[in-house]
C-alpha atoms as a PDB file:
ATOM      1  CA  MET A   1      15.563 102.582  62.367  1.00  0.00           C
ATOM      2  CA  GLN A   2      13.549  99.243  64.367  1.00  0.00           C
ATOM      3  CA  ASN A   3      10.074 100.158  63.424  1.00  0.00           C
ATOM      4  CA  THR A   4       9.776 100.291  59.568  1.00  0.00           C
ATOM      5  CA  GLY A   5       9.574  97.733  56.266  1.00  0.00           C
ATOM      6  CA  PHE A   6       7.293  96.338  54.285  1.00  0.00           C
ATOM      7  CA  THR A   7       4.150  94.261  55.409  1.00  0.00           C
ATOM      8  CA  ASP A   8       1.552  91.755  54.234  1.00  0.00           C
ATOM      9  CA  VAL A   9      -1.530  92.988  55.511  1.00  0.00           C
ATOM     10  CA  ARG A  10      -3.417  89.711  55.579  1.00  0.00           C
ATOM     11  CA  ILE A  11      -0.959  88.503  58.287  1.00  0.00           C
ATOM     12  CA  PRO A  12      -1.463  89.906  61.548  1.00  0.00           C
ATOM     13  CA  MET A  13       1.232  92.478  63.026  1.00  0.00           C
ATOM     14  CA  PRO A  14       1.007  93.567  66.912  1.00  0.00           C
ATOM     15  CA  HIS A  15       0.580  97.390  67.262  1.00  0.00           C
ATOM     16  CA  ARG A  16      -0.590  97.536  63.315  1.00  0.00           C
ATOM     17  CA  SER A  17      -3.386 101.002  63.299  1.00  0.00           C
ATOM     18  CA  ARG A  18      -6.645 101.065  61.560  1.00  0.00           C
ATOM     19  CA  HIS A  19      -7.379 103.229  59.146  1.00  0.00           C
ATOM     20  CA  TYR A  20     -10.399 105.661  59.263  1.00  0.00           C
ATOM     21  CA  SER A  21     -11.589 108.068  57.146  1.00  0.00           C
ATOM     22  CA  PHE A  22     -14.161 111.206  56.822  1.00  0.00           C
ATOM     23  CA  ILE A  23     -13.990 110.678  53.211  1.00  0.00           C
ATOM     24  CA  GLU A  24     -15.924 108.287  51.605  1.00  0.00           C
ATOM     25  CA  LEU A  25     -13.316 105.811  50.197  1.00  0.00           C
ATOM     26  CA  TYR A  26     -14.979 105.283  46.631  1.00  0.00           C
ATOM     27  CA  ASP A  27     -17.007 108.371  45.272  1.00  0.00           C
ATOM     28  CA  ARG A  28     -14.754 111.128  47.375  1.00  0.00           C
ATOM     29  CA  GLU A  29     -17.797 111.967  49.531  1.00  0.00           C
ATOM     30  CA  VAL A  30     -17.102 113.831  52.916  1.00  0.00           C
ATOM     31  CA  LEU A  31     -18.800 112.324  55.659  1.00  0.00           C
ATOM     32  CA  PRO A  32     -19.933 113.817  58.334  1.00  0.00           C
ATOM     33  CA  GLU A  33     -18.796 110.558  60.765  1.00  0.00           C
ATOM     34  CA  LEU A  34     -15.836 108.886  60.662  1.00  0.00           C
ATOM     35  CA  HIS A  35     -15.353 105.751  59.553  1.00  0.00           C
ATOM     36  CA  ILE A  36     -13.288 102.598  59.560  1.00  0.00           C
ATOM     37  CA  LEU A  37     -11.599 101.559  56.099  1.00  0.00           C
ATOM     38  CA  PRO A  38     -11.398  98.160  54.871  1.00  0.00           C
ATOM     39  CA  THR A  39      -7.846  96.820  54.753  1.00  0.00           C
ATOM     40  CA  ARG A  40      -6.821  96.902  51.228  1.00  0.00           C
ATOM     41  CA  ASN A  41      -3.855  94.211  49.716  1.00  0.00           C
ATOM     42  CA  HIS A  42      -1.276  95.994  47.616  1.00  0.00           C
ATOM     43  CA  SER A  43       1.533  93.580  48.224  1.00  0.00           C
ATOM     44  CA  TYR A  44       1.901  93.204  44.481  1.00  0.00           C
ATOM     45  CA  ASN A  45       3.011  96.750  44.909  1.00  0.00           C
ATOM     46  CA  MET A  46       5.646  97.375  47.446  1.00  0.00           C
ATOM     47  CA  GLY A  47       6.575 100.463  48.579  1.00  0.00           C
ATOM     48  CA  GLY A  48       3.093 101.602  47.072  1.00  0.00           C
ATOM     49  CA  GLY A  49       0.915 101.419  50.579  1.00  0.00           C
ATOM     50  CA  ASN A  50       2.110  98.436  52.278  1.00  0.00           C
ATOM     51  CA  MET A  51       5.050  99.915  54.252  1.00  0.00           C
ATOM     52  CA  TYR A  52       4.561 100.869  57.906  1.00  0.00           C
ATOM     53  CA  SER A  53       6.879 103.121  60.062  1.00  0.00           C
ATOM     54  CA  THR A  54       6.681 105.170  63.360  1.00  0.00           C
ATOM     55  CA  ALA A  55       7.583 108.953  63.660  1.00  0.00           C
ATOM     56  CA  GLU A  56      10.606 107.832  65.554  1.00  0.00           C
ATOM     57  CA  ASP A  57      12.125 106.285  62.313  1.00  0.00           C
ATOM     58  CA  LEU A  58      11.430 108.586  60.085  1.00  0.00           C
ATOM     59  CA  VAL A  59      13.212 111.160  62.150  1.00  0.00           C
ATOM     60  CA  SER A  60      16.360 109.056  62.130  1.00  0.00           C
ATOM     61  CA  PHE A  61      15.938 108.946  58.995  1.00  0.00           C
ATOM     62  CA  GLY A  62      15.406 112.406  58.104  1.00  0.00           C
ATOM     63  CA  ARG A  63      18.562 113.109  60.378  1.00  0.00           C
ATOM     64  CA  GLN A  64      20.872 111.295  57.723  1.00  0.00           C
ATOM     65  CA  LEU A  65      20.561 114.452  55.502  1.00  0.00           C
ATOM     66  CA  LEU A  66      21.910 116.396  58.429  1.00  0.00           C
ATOM     67  CA  THR A  67      24.369 113.909  60.095  1.00  0.00           C
ATOM     68  CA  PRO A  68      24.776 110.882  57.164  1.00  0.00           C
ATOM     69  CA  GLU A  69      26.195 108.075  58.320  1.00  0.00           C
ATOM     70  CA  LEU A  70      23.892 105.781  56.084  1.00  0.00           C
ATOM     71  CA  LEU A  71      23.826 107.532  53.178  1.00  0.00           C
ATOM     72  CA  SER A  72      26.653 108.977  51.119  1.00  0.00           C
ATOM     73  CA  ASP A  73      27.771 112.405  51.269  1.00  0.00           C
ATOM     74  CA  HIS A  74      26.934 112.293  47.055  1.00  0.00           C
ATOM     75  CA  VAL A  75      23.565 111.321  47.834  1.00  0.00           C
ATOM     76  CA  VAL A  76      23.010 113.638  50.218  1.00  0.00           C
ATOM     77  CA  ALA A  77      24.129 117.247  48.175  1.00  0.00           C
ATOM     78  CA  GLN A  78      21.896 115.473  45.565  1.00  0.00           C
ATOM     79  CA  VAL A  79      19.004 115.670  47.502  1.00  0.00           C
ATOM     80  CA  PHE A  80      19.793 119.586  48.286  1.00  0.00           C
ATOM     81  CA  ALA A  81      21.180 120.140  44.766  1.00  0.00           C
ATOM     82  CA  PRO A  82      18.630 121.935  42.630  1.00  0.00           C
ATOM     83  CA  HIS A  83      17.239 120.241  39.526  1.00  0.00           C
ATOM     84  CA  VAL A  84      16.198 121.846  36.635  1.00  0.00           C
ATOM     85  CA  LEU A  85      13.380 121.189  34.177  1.00  0.00           C
ATOM     86  CA  PRO A  86      14.430 120.801  30.487  1.00  0.00           C
ATOM     87  CA  SER A  87      12.489 124.606  30.654  1.00  0.00           C
ATOM     88  CA  GLY A  88      15.414 125.435  32.372  1.00  0.00           C
ATOM     89  CA  GLN A  89      12.906 126.584  35.443  1.00  0.00           C
ATOM     90  CA  PRO A  90      13.955 124.836  39.042  1.00  0.00           C
ATOM     91  CA  GLY A  91      12.016 121.382  39.457  1.00  0.00           C
ATOM     92  CA  GLN A  92       9.516 121.115  42.743  1.00  0.00           C
ATOM     93  CA  PHE A  93      11.453 116.881  43.600  1.00  0.00           C
ATOM     94  CA  SER A  94      14.468 115.988  43.754  1.00  0.00           C
ATOM     95  CA  ASP A  95      15.178 111.992  44.390  1.00  0.00           C
ATOM     96  CA  GLY A  96      11.582 112.122  45.852  1.00  0.00           C
ATOM     97  CA  TRP A  97      11.625 114.796  48.515  1.00  0.00           C
ATOM     98  CA  VAL A  98       9.583 118.082  47.520  1.00  0.00           C
ATOM     99  CA  MET A  99      11.711 120.986  47.237  1.00  0.00           C
ATOM    100  CA  ILE A 100       8.962 123.622  47.369  1.00  0.00           C
ATOM    101  CA  GLY A 101      10.769 124.661  51.449  1.00  0.00           C
ATOM    102  CA  GLN A 102      14.039 125.288  49.170  1.00  0.00           C
ATOM    103  CA  GLN A 103      13.275 129.030  49.387  1.00  0.00           C
ATOM    104  CA  ALA A 104      11.148 129.109  52.054  1.00  0.00           C
ATOM    105  CA  GLU A 105      12.440 131.037  55.356  1.00  0.00           C
ATOM    106  CA  PRO A 106      13.151 128.383  57.009  1.00  0.00           C
ATOM    107  CA  ARG A 107      14.523 126.219  54.226  1.00  0.00           C
ATOM    108  CA  PHE A 108      13.437 122.760  54.301  1.00  0.00           C
ATOM    109  CA  VAL A 109      12.694 119.845  51.976  1.00  0.00           C
ATOM    110  CA  MET A 110       9.798 117.664  52.770  1.00  0.00           C
ATOM    111  CA  ALA A 111       9.277 114.012  51.865  1.00  0.00           C
ATOM    112  CA  GLY A 112       5.690 112.897  52.395  1.00  0.00           C
ATOM    113  CA  GLY A 113       2.311 110.820  51.576  1.00  0.00           C
ATOM    114  CA  SER A 114      -0.735 109.427  51.640  1.00  0.00           C
ATOM    115  CA  TYR A 115      -2.920 106.350  51.615  1.00  0.00           C
ATOM    116  CA  PRO A 116      -7.195 105.988  52.409  1.00  0.00           C
ATOM    117  CA  GLY A 117      -6.956 106.580  55.852  1.00  0.00           C
ATOM    118  CA  THR A 118      -3.116 106.778  56.136  1.00  0.00           C
ATOM    119  CA  LEU A 119      -1.006 110.468  56.409  1.00  0.00           C
ATOM    120  CA  ALA A 120       2.829 110.804  56.785  1.00  0.00           C
ATOM    121  CA  VAL A 121       4.994 113.852  56.455  1.00  0.00           C
ATOM    122  CA  LEU A 122       9.044 114.075  57.185  1.00  0.00           C
ATOM    123  CA  LEU A 123      10.280 117.680  57.182  1.00  0.00           C
ATOM    124  CA  VAL A 124      13.871 118.016  57.536  1.00  0.00           C
ATOM    125  CA  PHE A 125      15.351 121.739  58.317  1.00  0.00           C
ATOM    126  CA  PRO A 126      18.929 121.518  57.458  1.00  0.00           C
ATOM    127  CA  ASP A 127      19.847 125.282  58.559  1.00  0.00           C
ATOM    128  CA  GLN A 128      18.212 124.652  61.604  1.00  0.00           C
ATOM    129  CA  GLY A 129      19.292 121.086  62.239  1.00  0.00           C
ATOM    130  CA  VAL A 130      15.830 120.097  62.774  1.00  0.00           C
ATOM    131  CA  VAL A 131      13.900 117.022  62.237  1.00  0.00           C
ATOM    132  CA  ALA A 132      10.352 116.767  62.141  1.00  0.00           C
ATOM    133  CA  ALA A 133       7.545 113.768  61.498  1.00  0.00           C
ATOM    134  CA  MET A 134       3.796 113.506  61.650  1.00  0.00           C
ATOM    135  CA  LEU A 135       2.041 110.229  61.187  1.00  0.00           C
ATOM    136  CA  SER A 136      -1.820 110.122  61.200  1.00  0.00           C
ATOM    137  CA  ASN A 137      -4.384 107.186  60.759  1.00  0.00           C
ATOM    138  CA  THR A 138      -7.138 109.505  59.981  1.00  0.00           C
ATOM    139  CA  TRP A 139      -7.734 110.700  56.471  1.00  0.00           C
ATOM    140  CA  GLY A 140     -10.113 114.074  55.229  1.00  0.00           C
ATOM    141  CA  LYS A 141     -11.314 116.938  57.474  1.00  0.00           C
ATOM    142  CA  ASP A 142      -7.745 118.628  56.399  1.00  0.00           C
ATOM    143  CA  GLY A 143      -5.338 116.531  57.372  1.00  0.00           C
ATOM    144  CA  PRO A 144      -2.515 117.175  55.363  1.00  0.00           C
ATOM    145  CA  ASN A 145      -3.105 120.884  56.124  1.00  0.00           C
ATOM    146  CA  VAL A 146      -3.176 120.554  59.560  1.00  0.00           C
ATOM    147  CA  MET A 147      -0.115 118.622  59.654  1.00  0.00           C
ATOM    148  CA  ASP A 148       1.902 120.841  57.526  1.00  0.00           C
ATOM    149  CA  GLN A 149       0.764 123.949  59.906  1.00  0.00           C
ATOM    150  CA  LEU A 150       1.324 121.905  63.007  1.00  0.00           C
ATOM    151  CA  ILE A 151       4.721 121.079  62.100  1.00  0.00           C
ATOM    152  CA  MET A 152       5.746 124.451  60.952  1.00  0.00           C
ATOM    153  CA  ASN A 153       4.421 126.307  63.626  1.00  0.00           C
ATOM    154  CA  TRP A 154       6.652 124.082  65.559  1.00  0.00           C
ATOM    155  CA  ALA A 155       9.616 124.431  63.890  1.00  0.00           C
ATOM    156  CA  MET A 156       9.597 128.493  63.493  1.00  0.00           C
ATOM    157  CA  ALA A 157       8.646 129.067  67.223  1.00  0.00           C
ATOM    158  CA  PRO A 158      11.587 130.370  69.151  1.00  0.00           C
ATOM    159  CA  ALA A 159      14.339 128.410  70.665  1.00  0.00           C
ATOM    160  CA  ASN A 160      14.233 128.168  74.407  1.00  0.00           C
END
């Protein structure tokens, strides 16, 4: 993973993308045109917005759940294990991964997030041996839904 890490937004970084949005940052009004978002400094909260990566690096990380080299077998098993809530119901999260796809066909786990002007999603389909990642530097206009739909359509397409 050569292109993943933490950054200080106050320092220039080669190939850094700008953040764009169709949603007004402060009052959440949907805008008719795309706007450039201001750079926001969250260096006090590493991991809460000051990380960078590429889709290729995210896929490399996701492959660790299929053929672990970096992660132990115990950690991988823990991610896929059902987590039960005190109520006895299955939990929807496991160690940061969204587990809603465990009952889906095809079965998957997902990690993702958003930040004003940024969207990311990583899906791992363990039964198919497929990992998919998508990044966007545009926020709003159903961005997460479009990304999810594109990845799911691709993952469920017949193999050639």
